[in-house]
């Protein structure tokens, strides 16, 4: 086990900051509370489990496994300790109030592209319940125990995912289109891992160069893996309605209307979205909802 202590220059809420990385209440790779987070990950040095605990104005970080040192080095970025909000001056009263109330929310970055990309693919055009089923099934069937005493599991290595026959993912509700995309992405894992070192524009272009990876998937990955505070998931089922309701009271929204309303907040549009989500801003659920589908019909 390796240990490191980091000093905080302002409040940190681990649950608000790291919530986007949690894939449901029963995520096999992660456990999260307001003051503590435990997460299994793969690093270039091997698997690791990292434990972040708040202790006053300190963040105590412990890590296990061959990749422990690498995980410790990434801890400050993961927790958003270097989140640059110097240009964020929210003039809108709702955003200013949420920013004041949710003072511990930061934009962090995992640096683990595949660990953001694989779940994002599984979430494409399905309900959250369906996506979580596929995610947990993939890890339970082909993953492995993570280092440390927490009973977490690791996402399967890319070479394992690339070799899974598409039909073996069917019992977990993953149809051939998403299964083939998972396999293709995993086979090119090295190319995707490289985006961590690219300028954001180049990273987005590389993410969306592969058919099947569009603006929504790229933004979901950029927020989590790259810490892009301006990420906007265009094509999301719920987000346009959330943004439109927050700023105009309109219960329905479009991508175009959402981008128009968020434009004054550039380059912190993703931060504003996180504040709206974490602040519980949403219209009453009276409209149609996305229904689960049988993969036989896809």
Protein backbone atom coordinates (compact mmCIF):
# COMPACT_ATOMS: atom_id res chain seq x y z
CA UNK A 1 0.00 0.00 0.00
CA UNK A 2 1.20 3.54 -0.84
CA UNK A 3 -0.02 6.70 0.91
CA UNK A 4 -0.01 10.41 0.07
CA UNK A 5 -1.61 13.47 1.70
CA UNK A 6 -2.78 16.45 -0.37
CA UNK A 7 -3.67 19.88 1.01
CA UNK A 8 -6.93 21.51 -0.06
CA UNK A 9 -7.08 25.19 -0.98
CA UNK A 10 -10.88 25.23 -0.92
CA UNK A 11 -13.77 22.87 -0.03
CA UNK A 12 -14.08 19.53 -1.79
CA UNK A 13 -17.17 17.33 -1.97
CA UNK A 14 -16.07 13.95 -3.30
CA UNK A 15 -19.62 12.81 -4.04
CA UNK A 16 -20.41 15.86 -6.18
CA UNK A 17 -17.04 15.87 -7.91
CA UNK A 18 -16.71 12.16 -8.64
CA UNK A 19 -20.40 11.37 -9.14
CA UNK A 20 -20.09 11.29 -12.96
CA UNK A 21 -17.69 8.33 -12.68
CA UNK A 22 -20.16 6.19 -10.70
CA UNK A 23 -22.22 3.87 -12.90
CA UNK A 24 -25.22 3.17 -10.70
CA UNK A 25 -25.54 2.27 -7.03
CA UNK A 26 -23.98 -1.16 -7.54
CA UNK A 27 -20.99 -0.13 -9.65
CA UNK A 28 -18.51 -3.03 -9.27
CA UNK A 29 -15.54 -0.69 -9.85
CA UNK A 30 -16.35 2.10 -7.42
CA UNK A 31 -17.85 3.15 -4.09
CA UNK A 32 -18.65 6.77 -3.37
CA UNK A 33 -19.75 8.94 -0.47
CA UNK A 34 -19.53 12.63 0.33
CA UNK A 35 -16.19 12.28 2.12
CA UNK A 36 -14.75 9.06 0.71
CA UNK A 37 -14.28 7.36 -2.65
CA UNK A 38 -12.76 3.99 -3.53
CA UNK A 39 -12.14 3.14 -7.18
CA UNK A 40 -10.51 0.32 -9.15
CA UNK A 41 -8.58 1.30 -12.25
CA UNK A 42 -5.97 0.16 -14.73
CA UNK A 43 -2.77 2.16 -15.17
CA UNK A 44 0.19 1.76 -17.55
CA UNK A 45 1.99 0.08 -14.62
CA UNK A 46 -0.83 -2.36 -13.89
CA UNK A 47 -4.07 -2.54 -11.87
CA UNK A 48 -4.65 -0.34 -8.85
CA UNK A 49 -7.29 0.54 -6.29
CA UNK A 50 -7.30 4.09 -4.97
CA UNK A 51 -8.96 5.29 -1.74
CA UNK A 52 -9.61 9.03 -1.26
CA UNK A 53 -10.65 10.23 2.21
CA UNK A 54 -11.30 13.79 3.37
CA UNK A 55 -9.73 14.76 6.69
CA UNK A 56 -10.33 18.42 7.45
CA UNK A 57 -8.37 20.46 4.93
CA UNK A 58 -6.47 17.39 3.72
CA UNK A 59 -7.20 14.65 1.23
CA UNK A 60 -5.61 11.38 2.31
CA UNK A 61 -4.91 9.04 -0.60
CA UNK A 62 -4.07 5.35 -0.31
CA UNK A 63 -3.49 2.96 -3.18
CA UNK A 64 -2.90 -0.76 -3.69
CA UNK A 65 -1.56 -2.85 -6.55
CA UNK A 66 1.18 -2.63 -9.20
CA UNK A 67 -0.23 0.69 -10.40
CA UNK A 68 -0.43 2.24 -6.91
CA UNK A 69 2.22 4.92 -7.48
CA UNK A 70 0.72 5.89 -10.82
CA UNK A 71 -2.73 6.12 -9.16
CA UNK A 72 -1.33 8.35 -6.42
CA UNK A 73 0.15 10.66 -9.04
CA UNK A 74 -3.25 10.95 -10.73
CA UNK A 75 -5.21 11.54 -7.50
CA UNK A 76 -5.03 15.35 -7.53
CA UNK A 77 -6.40 15.50 -11.07
CA UNK A 78 -9.09 12.93 -10.32
CA UNK A 79 -10.33 14.95 -7.33
CA UNK A 80 -10.24 18.21 -9.30
CA UNK A 81 -7.60 19.84 -7.11
CA UNK A 82 -6.19 21.61 -10.18
CA UNK A 83 -9.61 22.50 -11.59
CA UNK A 84 -9.19 25.96 -13.14
CA UNK A 85 -12.33 28.01 -12.57
CA UNK A 86 -10.61 31.40 -12.77
CA UNK A 87 -12.68 32.42 -15.82
CA UNK A 88 -15.98 31.26 -14.29
CA UNK A 89 -18.07 34.30 -13.35
CA UNK A 90 -21.71 33.13 -13.31
CA UNK A 91 -23.95 36.17 -13.80
CA UNK A 92 -27.18 34.18 -13.98
CA UNK A 93 -28.76 34.17 -10.48
CA UNK A 94 -29.65 30.46 -10.53
CA UNK A 95 -26.15 29.38 -11.56
CA UNK A 96 -24.55 31.78 -9.08
CA UNK A 97 -26.70 30.40 -6.26
CA UNK A 98 -25.96 26.78 -7.17
CA UNK A 99 -22.25 27.56 -7.38
CA UNK A 100 -22.39 29.13 -3.92
CA UNK A 101 -24.40 26.27 -2.43
CA UNK A 102 -22.46 23.44 -4.12
CA UNK A 103 -19.09 24.93 -3.29
CA UNK A 104 -17.33 21.54 -3.12
CA UNK A 105 -18.16 20.55 -6.71
CA UNK A 106 -15.09 20.43 -8.94
CA UNK A 107 -14.35 19.12 -12.42
CA UNK A 108 -11.82 16.31 -12.15
CA UNK A 109 -10.18 14.05 -14.69
CA UNK A 110 -9.41 10.35 -14.44
CA UNK A 111 -7.00 10.11 -17.37
CA UNK A 112 -8.49 6.63 -17.95
CA UNK A 113 -10.05 6.98 -21.40
CA UNK A 114 -11.29 3.41 -21.87
CA UNK A 115 -12.89 3.39 -18.41
CA UNK A 116 -15.02 6.33 -19.57
CA UNK A 117 -15.50 5.21 -23.17
CA UNK A 118 -16.66 1.62 -22.61
CA UNK A 119 -19.55 2.61 -20.28
CA UNK A 120 -20.48 5.49 -22.59
CA UNK A 121 -20.87 3.09 -25.50
CA UNK A 122 -23.03 0.83 -23.35
CA UNK A 123 -25.21 3.86 -22.54
CA UNK A 124 -25.83 4.79 -26.17
CA UNK A 125 -29.57 5.00 -26.98
CA UNK A 126 -30.73 2.77 -24.11
CA UNK A 127 -32.17 3.35 -20.64
CA UNK A 128 -29.91 3.65 -17.62
CA UNK A 129 -31.14 0.29 -16.35
CA UNK A 130 -30.17 -1.41 -19.62
CA UNK A 131 -26.77 0.27 -19.67
CA UNK A 132 -25.97 -0.73 -16.08
CA UNK A 133 -26.95 -4.31 -16.83
CA UNK A 134 -24.49 -4.48 -19.70
CA UNK A 135 -21.75 -2.76 -17.71
CA UNK A 136 -22.07 -5.03 -14.68
CA UNK A 137 -22.33 -8.12 -16.87
CA UNK A 138 -19.18 -7.23 -18.81
CA UNK A 139 -17.18 -6.78 -15.60
CA UNK A 140 -18.63 -9.80 -13.81
CA UNK A 141 -17.98 -12.14 -16.73
CA UNK A 142 -14.60 -10.93 -18.03
CA UNK A 143 -13.20 -8.61 -15.35
CA UNK A 144 -11.00 -9.61 -12.43
CA UNK A 145 -10.68 -8.77 -8.72
CA UNK A 146 -9.02 -5.43 -8.05
CA UNK A 147 -6.12 -5.02 -5.63
CA UNK A 148 -6.86 -4.02 -2.06
CA UNK A 149 -9.37 -5.05 0.62
CA UNK A 150 -12.58 -3.62 -0.87
CA UNK A 151 -13.90 -6.42 -3.09
CA UNK A 152 -14.00 -4.25 -6.22
CA UNK A 153 -13.51 -5.54 -9.75
CA UNK A 154 -11.61 -4.19 -12.72
CA UNK A 155 -12.90 -3.44 -16.20
CA UNK A 156 -11.60 -6.23 -18.47
CA UNK A 157 -8.34 -5.34 -20.25
CA UNK A 158 -8.80 -4.09 -23.82
CA UNK A 159 -7.40 -7.24 -25.41
CA UNK A 160 -10.04 -9.29 -23.58
CA UNK A 161 -12.90 -7.02 -24.68
CA UNK A 162 -11.63 -7.03 -28.27
CA UNK A 163 -11.81 -10.82 -28.35
CA UNK A 164 -15.35 -11.25 -26.95
CA UNK A 165 -17.70 -12.69 -29.60
CA UNK A 166 -20.58 -10.25 -30.02
CA UNK A 167 -23.21 -12.89 -29.22
CA UNK A 168 -21.68 -13.52 -25.79
CA UNK A 169 -22.79 -10.03 -24.80
CA UNK A 170 -26.42 -10.71 -25.74
CA UNK A 171 -27.34 -12.22 -22.32
CA UNK A 172 -26.46 -8.82 -20.82
CA UNK A 173 -28.76 -6.94 -23.17
CA UNK A 174 -26.05 -5.68 -25.54
CA UNK A 175 -27.03 -5.95 -29.20
CA UNK A 176 -24.54 -6.48 -32.03
CA UNK A 177 -24.06 -2.80 -32.91
CA UNK A 178 -22.81 -1.81 -29.46
CA UNK A 179 -20.97 -5.11 -29.00
CA UNK A 180 -19.03 -4.62 -32.24
CA UNK A 181 -18.26 -1.02 -31.29
CA UNK A 182 -16.92 -2.14 -27.91
CA UNK A 183 -14.67 -4.66 -29.64
CA UNK A 184 -13.42 -2.12 -32.19
CA UNK A 185 -12.66 0.52 -29.56
CA UNK A 186 -10.85 -2.00 -27.38
CA UNK A 187 -8.73 -3.13 -30.33
CA UNK A 188 -7.64 0.51 -30.79
CA UNK A 189 -7.21 1.25 -27.09
CA UNK A 190 -3.72 2.66 -27.53
CA UNK A 191 -4.94 5.32 -29.96
CA UNK A 192 -7.68 6.38 -27.58
CA UNK A 193 -5.38 6.43 -24.56
CA UNK A 194 -3.21 8.94 -26.42
CA UNK A 195 -5.92 11.63 -26.32
CA UNK A 196 -5.00 12.44 -22.73
CA UNK A 197 -1.92 14.21 -24.09
CA UNK A 198 -3.68 15.98 -26.97
CA UNK A 199 -5.23 19.47 -27.07
CA UNK A 200 -8.96 19.19 -26.43
CA UNK A 201 -9.93 19.94 -30.03
CA UNK A 202 -7.69 17.18 -31.32
CA UNK A 203 -8.97 14.81 -28.64
CA UNK A 204 -12.57 15.39 -29.74
CA UNK A 205 -11.64 14.87 -33.38
CA UNK A 206 -9.95 11.57 -32.64
CA UNK A 207 -12.86 10.39 -30.50
CA UNK A 208 -15.41 11.15 -33.20
CA UNK A 209 -13.36 9.86 -36.15
CA UNK A 210 -14.58 6.31 -35.53
CA UNK A 211 -18.11 5.61 -36.84
CA UNK A 212 -20.42 5.03 -33.88
CA UNK A 213 -18.69 7.59 -31.66
CA UNK A 214 -20.52 10.89 -32.00
CA UNK A 215 -20.64 14.19 -30.10
CA UNK A 216 -22.58 12.72 -27.18
CA UNK A 217 -20.07 9.94 -26.53
CA UNK A 218 -17.10 12.28 -27.00
CA UNK A 219 -18.45 14.77 -24.46
CA UNK A 220 -19.20 12.03 -21.93
CA UNK A 221 -15.60 10.82 -22.21
CA UNK A 222 -14.04 14.30 -22.25
CA UNK A 223 -15.80 15.34 -19.05
CA UNK A 224 -14.66 12.28 -17.11
CA UNK A 225 -11.29 11.35 -18.55
CA UNK A 226 -10.01 14.78 -19.65
CA UNK A 227 -11.73 17.10 -17.17
CA UNK A 228 -13.28 19.25 -19.91
CA UNK A 229 -15.33 21.85 -18.04
CA UNK A 230 -16.99 22.86 -21.32
CA UNK A 231 -18.25 19.39 -22.32
CA UNK A 232 -21.85 19.34 -23.55
CA UNK A 233 -23.45 15.99 -24.39
CA UNK A 234 -25.34 16.94 -27.53
CA UNK A 235 -27.90 14.24 -28.36
CA UNK A 236 -28.76 13.43 -24.75
CA UNK A 237 -32.35 12.32 -24.09
CA UNK A 238 -32.90 14.45 -20.95
CA UNK A 239 -30.34 17.26 -21.02
CA UNK A 240 -32.05 19.73 -23.41
CA UNK A 241 -35.19 19.65 -21.28
CA UNK A 242 -33.17 20.16 -18.09
CA UNK A 243 -31.31 23.18 -19.46
CA UNK A 244 -34.40 24.73 -21.05
CA UNK A 245 -36.41 24.33 -17.85
CA UNK A 246 -33.64 25.80 -15.70
CA UNK A 247 -33.25 28.98 -17.75
CA UNK A 248 -36.68 29.55 -19.32
CA UNK A 249 -39.19 27.34 -17.51
CA UNK A 250 -39.85 25.48 -20.77
CA UNK A 251 -40.45 21.77 -20.15
CA UNK A 252 -39.29 20.65 -23.58
CA UNK A 253 -36.01 21.49 -25.21
CA UNK A 254 -33.89 20.80 -28.26
CA UNK A 255 -30.15 20.54 -28.68
CA UNK A 256 -30.15 23.84 -30.56
CA UNK A 257 -32.04 25.62 -27.78
CA UNK A 258 -29.78 24.06 -25.13
CA UNK A 259 -26.62 25.26 -26.90
CA UNK A 260 -28.09 28.74 -27.30
CA UNK A 261 -28.85 28.98 -23.58
CA UNK A 262 -25.46 27.63 -22.56
CA UNK A 263 -23.40 29.79 -24.93
CA UNK A 264 -22.84 32.66 -22.43
CA UNK A 265 -21.15 30.21 -20.05
CA UNK A 266 -18.46 29.02 -22.49
CA UNK A 267 -15.83 27.64 -21.64
CA UNK A 268 -17.65 26.33 -18.55
CA UNK A 269 -20.83 24.93 -20.08
CA UNK A 270 -20.12 21.47 -18.67
CA UNK A 271 -19.63 22.96 -15.22
CA UNK A 272 -23.01 24.68 -15.46
CA UNK A 273 -24.64 21.40 -16.47
CA UNK A 274 -23.05 19.65 -13.48
CA UNK A 275 -24.37 22.39 -11.17
CA UNK A 276 -27.88 22.04 -12.59
CA UNK A 277 -27.79 18.25 -12.25
CA UNK A 278 -26.32 18.23 -8.76
CA UNK A 279 -28.66 20.99 -7.64
CA UNK A 280 -31.72 18.92 -8.50
CA UNK A 281 -33.03 21.32 -11.13
CA UNK A 282 -35.48 19.42 -13.31
CA UNK A 283 -39.05 19.64 -14.59
CA UNK A 284 -41.74 17.36 -13.19
CA UNK A 285 -41.75 13.99 -14.94
CA UNK A 286 -44.97 14.25 -16.96
CA UNK A 287 -43.63 13.57 -20.44
CA UNK A 288 -42.76 10.33 -22.24
CA UNK A 289 -39.85 8.28 -20.99
CA UNK A 290 -37.45 6.11 -22.92
CA UNK A 291 -38.65 2.52 -22.66
CA UNK A 292 -36.41 -0.55 -22.46
CA UNK A 293 -36.21 -2.56 -25.68
CA UNK A 294 -35.52 -6.15 -26.52
CA UNK A 295 -32.22 -6.53 -28.39
CA UNK A 296 -34.04 -8.89 -30.74
CA UNK A 297 -35.70 -5.79 -32.22
CA UNK A 298 -32.49 -3.79 -32.58
